[in-house]
Amino acid sequence: MGQSNDDPEEFARKIEQASRIAPNVGDRTTYERLIAWIDELKRSRQQRQEARRLKHRVKARARAVGGERPPFGARRRVLAASRGRTRTAGVKPGFRSLDIF
């Protein structure tokens, strides 16, 4: 019973709808399945919220650290240039997408 929608409002709508329907279901098996699905939706919503919070914390930390260090690859280019190398260490010749920094 997986869902592909990451929208928190959609989760809330499904939980609310299933919670309204469950008490009115006469079949015990269907009732238990609805309750299990509601629990699964709540767990999934909680996990996605935690993942979203973690992602935002990581991005905030990366922005904070970004001010302290050069952009990715810039340090290698500086070291390579100081050693007389003509290309970035670890990058194939002709692949210069990181040279914009």
Protein backbone atom coordinates (compact mmCIF):
# COMPACT_ATOMS: atom_id res chain seq x y z
CA MET A 1 0.00 0.00 0.00
CA GLY A 2 2.81 2.41 -0.81
CA GLN A 3 2.23 5.92 -1.97
CA SER A 4 4.26 7.96 -4.41
CA ASN A 5 3.14 11.41 -3.28
CA ASP A 6 5.48 13.32 -0.94
CA ASP A 7 2.95 16.07 -0.25
CA PRO A 8 2.36 16.38 3.53
CA GLU A 9 -1.16 17.67 2.89
CA GLU A 10 -1.93 14.56 0.86
CA PHE A 11 -0.74 12.37 3.74
CA ALA A 12 -2.92 14.30 6.17
CA ARG A 13 -5.91 14.01 3.86
CA LYS A 14 -5.49 10.25 3.48
CA ILE A 15 -5.03 9.76 7.24
CA GLU A 16 -8.09 11.86 8.03
CA GLN A 17 -10.22 10.10 5.42
CA ALA A 18 -9.21 6.59 6.52
CA SER A 19 -9.73 7.54 10.18
CA ARG A 20 -13.30 8.62 9.39
CA ILE A 21 -14.04 5.46 7.40
CA ALA A 22 -12.48 2.88 9.78
CA PRO A 23 -15.06 3.03 12.62
CA ASN A 24 -17.91 2.50 10.13
CA VAL A 25 -16.45 -0.64 8.54
CA GLY A 26 -18.30 -3.77 9.60
CA ASP A 27 -15.69 -6.31 8.50
CA ARG A 28 -13.02 -6.87 11.15
CA THR A 29 -10.28 -7.71 8.63
CA THR A 30 -10.93 -4.55 6.59
CA TYR A 31 -10.97 -2.48 9.78
CA GLU A 32 -7.61 -3.91 10.87
CA ARG A 33 -6.14 -3.26 7.42
CA LEU A 34 -7.34 0.34 7.49
CA ILE A 35 -5.86 0.88 10.95
CA ALA A 36 -2.55 -0.68 9.79
CA TRP A 37 -2.57 1.56 6.71
CA ILE A 38 -3.21 4.64 8.86
CA ASP A 39 -0.24 3.68 11.06
CA GLU A 40 1.91 3.14 7.96
CA LEU A 41 0.91 6.56 6.60
CA LYS A 42 1.72 8.23 9.91
CA ARG A 43 5.13 6.52 10.11
CA SER A 44 5.92 7.40 6.51
CA ARG A 45 4.86 11.02 7.03
CA GLN A 46 7.04 11.23 10.16
CA GLN A 47 10.04 9.73 8.36
CA ARG A 48 9.66 12.14 5.45
CA GLN A 49 9.37 15.10 7.81
CA GLU A 50 12.52 14.02 9.64
CA ALA A 51 14.35 13.52 6.34
CA ARG A 52 13.24 16.96 5.17
CA ARG A 53 14.43 18.56 8.43
CA LEU A 54 17.78 16.76 8.17
CA LYS A 55 18.16 17.86 4.55
CA HIS A 56 17.54 21.49 5.53
CA ARG A 57 20.03 21.25 8.42
CA VAL A 58 22.66 19.75 6.12
CA LYS A 59 22.09 22.49 3.53
CA ALA A 60 22.29 25.19 6.19
CA ARG A 61 25.52 23.70 7.54
CA ALA A 62 26.95 23.41 4.03
CA ARG A 63 26.18 27.08 3.41
CA ALA A 64 27.84 27.99 6.71
CA VAL A 65 30.92 25.89 5.95
CA GLY A 66 30.95 27.14 2.35
CA GLY A 67 31.99 30.54 3.62
CA GLU A 68 34.93 28.99 5.41
CA ARG A 69 36.31 26.83 2.58
CA PRO A 70 36.80 27.26 -1.14
CA PRO A 71 34.23 25.61 -3.45
CA PHE A 72 34.64 21.92 -4.22
CA GLY A 73 37.61 21.32 -6.51
CA ALA A 74 39.08 24.79 -6.14
CA ARG A 75 41.62 23.62 -3.60
CA ARG A 76 42.83 20.85 -5.93
CA ARG A 77 43.24 23.33 -8.78
CA VAL A 78 45.31 25.62 -6.57
CA LEU A 79 47.51 22.73 -5.42
CA ALA A 80 47.88 21.42 -8.97
CA ALA A 81 48.80 24.90 -10.25
CA SER A 82 51.39 25.31 -7.50
CA ARG A 83 53.00 22.03 -8.56
CA GLY A 84 53.11 23.03 -12.21
CA ARG A 85 50.37 20.68 -13.41
CA THR A 86 48.25 21.90 -16.27
CA ARG A 87 44.99 20.14 -15.45
CA THR A 88 42.91 19.49 -12.35
CA ALA A 89 43.93 16.36 -10.47
CA GLY A 90 41.43 13.55 -10.95
CA VAL A 91 39.62 15.17 -13.89
CA LYS A 92 39.96 13.81 -17.41
CA PRO A 93 41.39 16.18 -20.03
CA GLY A 94 38.62 18.06 -21.81
CA PHE A 95 36.24 17.79 -18.84
CA ARG A 96 36.42 21.26 -17.34
CA SER A 97 32.96 21.80 -15.81
CA LEU A 98 34.48 22.45 -12.38
CA ASP A 99 36.79 25.18 -13.69
CA ILE A 100 34.06 27.81 -13.37
CA PHE A 101 34.98 28.50 -9.74
